[in-house]
Protein backbone atom coordinates (compact mmCIF):
# COMPACT_ATOMS: atom_id res chain seq x y z
CA MET A 1 24.17 27.00 141.82
CA LYS A 2 24.87 25.45 138.39
CA HIS A 3 22.70 28.12 136.78
CA LEU A 4 24.62 30.84 138.64
CA LEU A 5 27.94 29.31 137.53
CA LYS A 6 26.81 29.13 133.90
CA THR A 7 25.58 32.73 134.05
CA THR A 8 28.87 33.89 135.57
CA LEU A 9 30.93 32.03 132.98
CA ALA A 10 28.77 33.36 130.15
CA SER A 11 29.13 36.90 131.47
CA ALA A 12 32.89 36.50 131.76
CA ALA A 13 33.10 35.10 128.23
CA LEU A 14 31.02 37.98 126.93
CA ALA A 15 33.20 40.51 128.74
CA LEU A 16 36.34 38.85 127.40
CA SER A 17 34.88 38.84 123.90
CA ALA A 18 33.98 42.52 124.20
CA GLY A 19 37.48 43.27 125.46
CA ILE A 20 39.05 41.48 122.51
CA ALA A 21 36.79 43.33 120.09
CA THR A 22 37.69 46.64 121.66
CA ALA A 23 41.38 45.80 121.55
CA GLN A 24 41.10 45.11 117.83
CA ASP A 25 39.47 48.46 117.12
CA THR A 26 41.80 51.23 115.91
CA THR A 27 41.30 54.98 115.86
CA LEU A 28 43.91 56.73 113.76
CA THR A 29 45.03 60.16 114.95
CA ILE A 30 45.14 62.61 112.04
CA SER A 31 47.25 65.71 112.57
CA SER A 32 46.01 68.73 110.63
CA TRP A 33 47.40 72.23 110.50
CA ALA A 34 44.81 74.21 108.54
CA PRO A 35 41.76 75.78 110.19
CA PRO A 36 38.89 73.38 110.99
CA THR A 37 36.78 75.11 108.31
CA HIS A 38 39.37 74.45 105.58
CA GLY A 39 38.26 71.98 102.93
CA MET A 40 40.84 69.37 103.93
CA ASN A 41 39.33 69.25 107.40
CA ALA A 42 35.70 69.90 106.52
CA ILE A 43 35.53 67.63 103.45
CA MET A 44 38.54 65.40 102.81
CA TRP A 45 39.24 63.99 106.26
CA PRO A 46 35.58 63.16 106.95
CA GLU A 47 35.46 61.37 103.59
CA PHE A 48 38.68 59.48 104.37
CA THR A 49 37.25 58.44 107.74
CA LYS A 50 34.05 57.22 106.11
CA MET A 51 36.04 55.29 103.51
CA ILE A 52 38.24 53.51 106.05
CA GLU A 53 35.31 52.72 108.35
CA GLU A 54 33.36 51.18 105.49
CA ALA A 55 36.37 49.26 104.17
CA THR A 56 37.11 47.74 107.59
CA ASP A 57 33.49 47.22 108.70
CA GLY A 58 34.05 49.77 111.45
CA ARG A 59 37.19 48.23 112.92
CA VAL A 60 39.28 51.26 111.98
CA SER A 61 38.24 54.89 112.31
CA ALA A 62 40.02 58.22 112.53
CA GLU A 63 39.88 61.54 114.35
CA VAL A 64 41.46 64.89 113.51
CA LYS A 65 43.58 66.75 116.06
CA TYR A 66 44.88 70.29 115.64
CA GLY A 67 47.93 72.12 116.92
CA LEU A 68 50.20 69.09 117.31
CA ALA A 69 52.98 70.77 115.29
CA PRO A 70 53.48 73.60 112.78
CA PRO A 71 53.13 72.71 109.07
CA PRO A 72 56.87 72.22 108.33
CA ALA A 73 57.16 69.70 111.20
CA GLN A 74 54.31 67.42 110.13
CA PHE A 75 56.51 64.84 108.38
CA ASP A 76 58.67 64.29 111.45
CA LEU A 77 55.57 64.30 113.66
CA VAL A 78 54.27 61.21 111.87
CA LEU A 79 57.73 59.69 111.45
CA ASP A 80 58.14 59.83 115.25
CA GLY A 81 54.67 58.39 115.87
CA VAL A 82 53.16 61.42 117.63
CA ALA A 83 50.32 61.20 115.08
CA ASP A 84 49.34 58.34 112.79
CA VAL A 85 48.41 60.31 109.67
CA THR A 86 48.92 63.83 108.35
CA TRP A 87 49.12 65.85 105.15
CA ILE A 88 52.31 67.67 104.23
CA PHE A 89 53.18 70.43 101.79
CA HIS A 90 56.50 69.47 100.25
CA GLY A 91 57.59 73.07 99.70
CA TYR A 92 57.77 73.67 103.44
CA ASN A 93 60.89 71.49 103.58
CA PRO A 94 63.22 72.84 100.86
CA GLY A 95 65.94 70.41 99.86
CA ARG A 96 64.19 67.45 101.47
CA PHE A 97 61.86 66.97 98.52
CA VAL A 98 62.98 67.49 94.93
CA ALA A 99 61.20 64.93 92.73
CA THR A 100 57.88 66.24 94.04
CA LYS A 101 58.49 69.48 92.12
CA MET A 102 57.52 67.70 88.90
CA ILE A 103 53.80 68.20 89.58
CA GLU A 104 54.32 71.87 90.53
CA LEU A 105 55.57 72.99 87.11
CA PRO A 106 53.61 75.63 85.24
CA GLY A 107 52.13 74.58 81.92
CA TYR A 108 49.93 71.64 82.92
CA ASP A 109 46.30 71.95 81.85
CA GLY A 110 43.56 70.35 83.90
CA SER A 111 41.79 70.10 87.23
CA ALA A 112 43.31 69.30 90.61
CA GLU A 113 41.61 65.92 90.39
CA ALA A 114 43.28 65.13 87.06
CA ALA A 115 46.62 66.40 88.35
CA SER A 116 46.42 64.42 91.59
CA VAL A 117 45.64 61.14 89.83
CA ALA A 118 48.41 61.77 87.27
CA TYR A 119 50.75 62.59 90.16
CA TRP A 120 50.06 59.30 91.91
CA LYS A 121 50.61 57.32 88.71
CA ALA A 122 53.85 59.22 88.01
CA HIS A 123 54.97 58.50 91.57
CA GLU A 124 54.42 54.78 91.14
CA GLN A 125 56.14 54.65 87.75
CA PHE A 126 58.97 57.17 88.18
CA LEU A 127 59.24 59.17 91.39
CA ALA A 128 59.09 56.57 94.17
CA SER A 129 62.64 55.51 93.31
CA ALA A 130 63.88 58.81 94.79
CA ASP A 131 62.69 57.53 98.20
CA GLU A 132 62.03 61.05 99.47
CA HIS A 133 59.36 59.87 101.95
CA GLN A 134 61.69 57.41 103.63
CA GLY A 135 60.38 56.04 106.93
CA VAL A 136 56.67 56.70 106.36
CA LYS A 137 53.95 55.15 104.21
CA VAL A 138 52.58 57.38 101.45
CA LEU A 139 48.79 57.04 101.30
CA ALA A 140 48.07 59.62 98.61
CA LEU A 141 49.56 62.45 96.59
CA MET A 142 47.68 65.56 95.55
CA THR A 143 47.94 69.07 94.21
CA HIS A 144 45.84 72.12 94.80
CA GLY A 145 44.34 74.01 91.88
CA PRO A 146 46.25 76.51 89.72
CA GLY A 147 48.30 79.00 91.73
CA VAL A 148 46.97 82.58 91.66
CA LEU A 149 48.41 85.93 92.75
CA HIS A 150 46.27 87.57 95.44
CA SER A 151 47.12 91.10 96.55
CA GLU A 152 45.73 94.10 98.39
CA LYS A 153 46.33 96.41 95.43
CA PRO A 154 45.07 95.36 91.99
CA VAL A 155 47.65 93.80 89.67
CA THR A 156 46.72 94.18 86.03
CA SER A 157 49.91 93.06 84.27
CA LEU A 158 52.92 90.84 84.87
CA ASP A 159 55.40 93.69 85.02
CA GLU A 160 53.61 95.12 88.06
CA ILE A 161 54.67 92.08 90.09
CA SER A 162 58.34 93.02 89.95
CA GLY A 163 59.41 94.55 93.28
CA MET A 164 56.42 93.22 95.22
CA LYS A 165 56.89 91.37 98.51
CA LEU A 166 55.02 88.09 98.10
CA ARG A 167 54.38 85.30 100.54
CA ILE A 168 55.62 82.20 98.73
CA GLY A 169 55.01 78.69 100.03
CA GLY A 170 58.15 77.11 98.63
CA GLY A 171 58.94 74.67 95.88
CA VAL A 172 58.34 75.87 92.33
CA SER A 173 56.32 78.84 93.57
CA GLY A 174 59.62 80.25 94.86
CA ASP A 175 61.16 79.91 91.40
CA VAL A 176 58.13 81.64 89.92
CA GLY A 177 58.35 84.55 92.33
CA ALA A 178 62.03 85.04 91.56
CA ALA A 179 61.40 84.92 87.78
CA LEU A 180 58.75 87.62 88.16
CA GLY A 181 61.09 89.87 90.13
CA ALA A 182 59.25 89.56 93.44
CA THR A 183 60.83 89.30 96.89
CA GLY A 184 59.77 86.05 98.48
CA ILE A 185 58.61 85.81 102.10
CA ARG A 186 58.19 82.27 103.38
CA VAL A 187 55.53 81.69 106.00
CA PRO A 188 53.19 78.68 106.35
CA ALA A 189 49.63 79.02 105.10
CA PRO A 190 48.02 79.50 108.55
CA LYS A 191 50.18 82.65 108.99
CA VAL A 192 49.22 84.21 105.64
CA TYR A 193 46.29 86.28 106.90
CA GLU A 194 48.41 87.79 109.69
CA THR A 195 51.30 88.45 107.27
CA LEU A 196 49.08 90.32 104.83
CA HIS A 197 47.07 92.12 107.48
CA SER A 198 50.28 93.48 109.06
CA LYS A 199 51.51 94.65 105.61
CA ALA A 200 54.59 92.44 105.93
CA ALA A 201 53.76 91.25 102.41
CA ASP A 202 52.02 92.88 99.46
CA GLY A 203 50.43 89.70 98.25
CA VAL A 204 50.52 85.93 98.17
CA MET A 205 50.75 83.06 95.67
CA MET A 206 48.05 80.53 96.59
CA PRO A 207 45.19 78.71 94.84
CA MET A 208 41.75 80.24 94.54
CA GLU A 209 40.48 78.21 97.50
CA ALA A 210 42.59 80.30 99.89
CA ARG A 211 40.30 83.27 99.33
CA ALA A 212 37.78 81.44 101.51
CA GLY A 213 39.93 78.86 103.34
CA PHE A 214 42.30 81.50 104.74
CA LYS A 215 39.99 84.53 104.36
CA LEU A 216 42.12 86.26 101.75
CA PHE A 217 39.02 88.05 100.50
CA GLU A 218 39.46 90.33 103.53
CA VAL A 219 43.18 91.16 103.18
CA ALA A 220 44.04 90.42 99.52
CA GLN A 221 40.93 91.48 97.68
CA ASN A 222 42.39 91.32 94.17
CA SER A 223 43.41 88.24 92.18
CA PHE A 224 45.49 87.95 88.99
CA THR A 225 45.60 84.74 86.95
CA VAL A 226 47.49 83.23 84.03
CA PRO A 227 46.23 80.22 82.03
CA GLY A 228 46.98 76.99 83.91
CA GLY A 229 48.13 78.93 86.95
CA PHE A 230 51.55 80.17 88.03
CA TYR A 231 52.29 76.78 89.62
CA ARG A 232 50.62 73.91 91.48
CA GLY A 233 51.35 72.90 95.06
CA SER A 234 52.54 69.39 95.93
CA PHE A 235 51.13 67.55 98.95
CA ALA A 236 51.25 64.03 100.36
CA VAL A 237 49.07 62.16 102.82
CA ILE A 238 51.44 60.06 104.92
CA MET A 239 51.10 57.45 107.66
CA ASN A 240 53.37 56.19 110.41
CA GLN A 241 54.86 52.94 109.15
CA ASP A 242 54.73 51.22 112.55
CA THR A 243 51.02 52.04 112.86
CA TYR A 244 50.39 50.52 109.45
CA ASP A 245 52.47 47.43 110.20
CA ALA A 246 50.65 46.89 113.52
CA MET A 247 47.26 46.65 111.79
CA SER A 248 45.89 43.21 110.99
CA GLU A 249 46.53 41.85 107.52
CA GLU A 250 42.84 42.25 106.77
CA ASP A 251 42.80 45.90 107.83
CA ARG A 252 46.01 46.70 105.95
CA ALA A 253 44.43 45.27 102.81
CA ALA A 254 41.32 47.34 103.44
CA LEU A 255 43.38 50.51 103.89
CA ASP A 256 45.36 49.77 100.74
CA SER A 257 42.11 49.40 98.81
CA ILE A 258 41.00 52.98 99.51
CA THR A 259 44.34 54.79 99.38
CA GLY A 260 46.79 55.33 96.53
CA GLU A 261 45.06 56.42 93.35
CA MET A 262 41.60 56.36 94.94
CA LEU A 263 42.46 58.68 97.85
CA SER A 264 44.52 60.89 95.54
CA ARG A 265 41.42 61.31 93.37
CA VAL A 266 39.24 62.16 96.38
CA ALA A 267 41.81 64.71 97.55
CA GLY A 268 42.00 66.32 94.12
CA GLN A 269 38.20 66.51 93.96
CA THR A 270 38.26 68.28 97.31
CA TRP A 271 40.70 70.92 96.03
CA ASP A 272 38.53 71.51 92.95
CA GLN A 273 35.45 71.86 95.12
CA ILE A 274 37.00 74.40 97.45
CA ASP A 275 38.47 76.37 94.54
CA VAL A 276 34.88 77.02 93.46
CA ILE A 277 34.03 78.18 96.98
CA GLY A 278 37.04 80.49 97.02
CA ALA A 279 36.23 81.97 93.61
CA ALA A 280 32.71 82.76 94.79
CA THR A 281 34.10 85.28 97.27
CA ILE A 282 34.95 87.56 94.33
CA ASP A 283 31.31 87.82 93.31
CA ASP A 284 30.14 87.96 96.91
CA ASN A 285 32.31 90.96 97.85
CA ASP A 286 32.09 94.22 95.92
CA SER A 287 35.65 95.19 96.87
CA ASN A 288 37.11 92.01 95.32
CA THR A 289 38.31 91.76 91.71
CA LEU A 290 39.67 89.17 89.29
CA THR A 291 42.04 90.10 86.46
CA GLU A 292 43.03 87.60 83.79
CA ALA A 293 46.34 88.05 82.01
CA SER A 294 46.22 89.77 78.65
CA ALA A 295 47.38 88.02 75.48
CA ALA A 296 50.66 89.93 75.67
CA ASP A 297 51.18 88.84 79.29
CA VAL A 298 50.32 85.24 78.44
CA ALA A 299 53.06 85.26 75.79
CA ALA A 300 55.51 86.89 78.21
CA TRP A 301 54.64 84.31 80.86
CA GLN A 302 55.32 81.47 78.43
CA ASP A 303 58.80 82.90 77.84
CA LEU A 304 59.44 83.09 81.59
CA THR A 305 58.38 79.50 82.27
CA GLY A 306 61.08 77.98 80.07
CA PRO A 307 64.01 78.55 82.46
CA ILE A 308 61.84 77.60 85.46
CA ILE A 309 60.92 74.26 83.91
CA GLU A 310 64.45 73.58 82.72
CA GLY A 311 65.87 74.25 86.17
CA VAL A 312 63.49 71.78 87.81
CA LEU A 313 64.13 69.14 85.16
CA GLN A 314 67.84 69.38 85.89
CA GLU A 315 67.26 69.08 89.65
CA VAL A 316 65.09 66.00 89.27
CA SER A 317 67.35 64.40 86.66
CA ALA A 318 70.19 64.62 89.18
CA LYS A 319 68.12 62.21 91.31
CA GLY A 320 68.45 59.58 88.58
CA ILE A 321 64.93 60.17 87.27
CA ASP A 322 64.02 60.75 83.62
CA ALA A 323 62.45 64.13 84.32
CA GLU A 324 61.41 64.80 80.72
CA ALA A 325 59.59 61.47 80.64
CA VAL A 326 57.82 62.34 83.90
CA ARG A 327 56.71 65.72 82.62
CA SER A 328 55.41 64.21 79.38
CA PHE A 329 53.66 61.43 81.32
CA ILE A 330 51.87 63.84 83.67
CA SER A 331 50.84 66.13 80.81
CA THR A 332 49.44 63.22 78.79
CA GLU A 333 47.63 61.69 81.77
CA MET A 334 45.99 65.01 82.58
CA SER A 335 44.99 65.62 78.97
CA ASN A 336 43.41 62.20 78.72
CA TYR A 337 41.76 62.23 82.13
């Protein structure tokens, strides 16, 4: 009888212990809006999950869910707690984000990795004061690679862009399209293939990775580039603040140790990696071409970028930020990376 009682008590204690352990475990819900095959979902999120599992000794993990909300609604999705983590493109919410345009300016030279790390450092030193991500926790900041013009018909010079209907994501890319004389059509990235296939647009401004990530090699077979790209896109990885606050102090410290500059670097590396995959579609498909701007077009492009940059600097300065200092800081950080 005593043995039975001891066994029962031991079993109950073990069950209680298991219950407590289970209660302490956390699985973060990541909302993602790109196709499952896109590099963010195929590379970055698995790496993030591995990083957080290792940092917390398995107490915290993550899983990706699709279709929770369209791209422009992702910020509010996490703010409201429907998902714990997501990635947002700032240009999808015009007017809501202004300081984030600093990383999108044309003229920076370097990889997405270098740009993403410089972006995070600039955020900490200058941009966070704008408080544009109010209500959520920013885990990382990143940019895609240099923006490229992809179109069904070949574009061989800058002046051929004038009059084209281009899908533009928002942010500085919209300023670029206007400066080039194009008519901008705003649709989120997952709708780009459909927009081009239906001939609603003649082309699109996106990084090289989109040739593979969104199958542009099928509907926009020709790419036109300028040195450094037409622009860079600004993204953030954000987390629900209540979810973060509810984690144990130990797990919050673990999460902090792998986010910020570290996660920004990983994200930038991902964008560089998938740019290479996208560029490979040009060689892999006989109907695809790449045209690099001529020396005359490079000079003309430099003239066009002046007003674009000045306009953004004025916007950001109105937020109480030393925009010129930010631009110089990012440029220097990328050059020295």
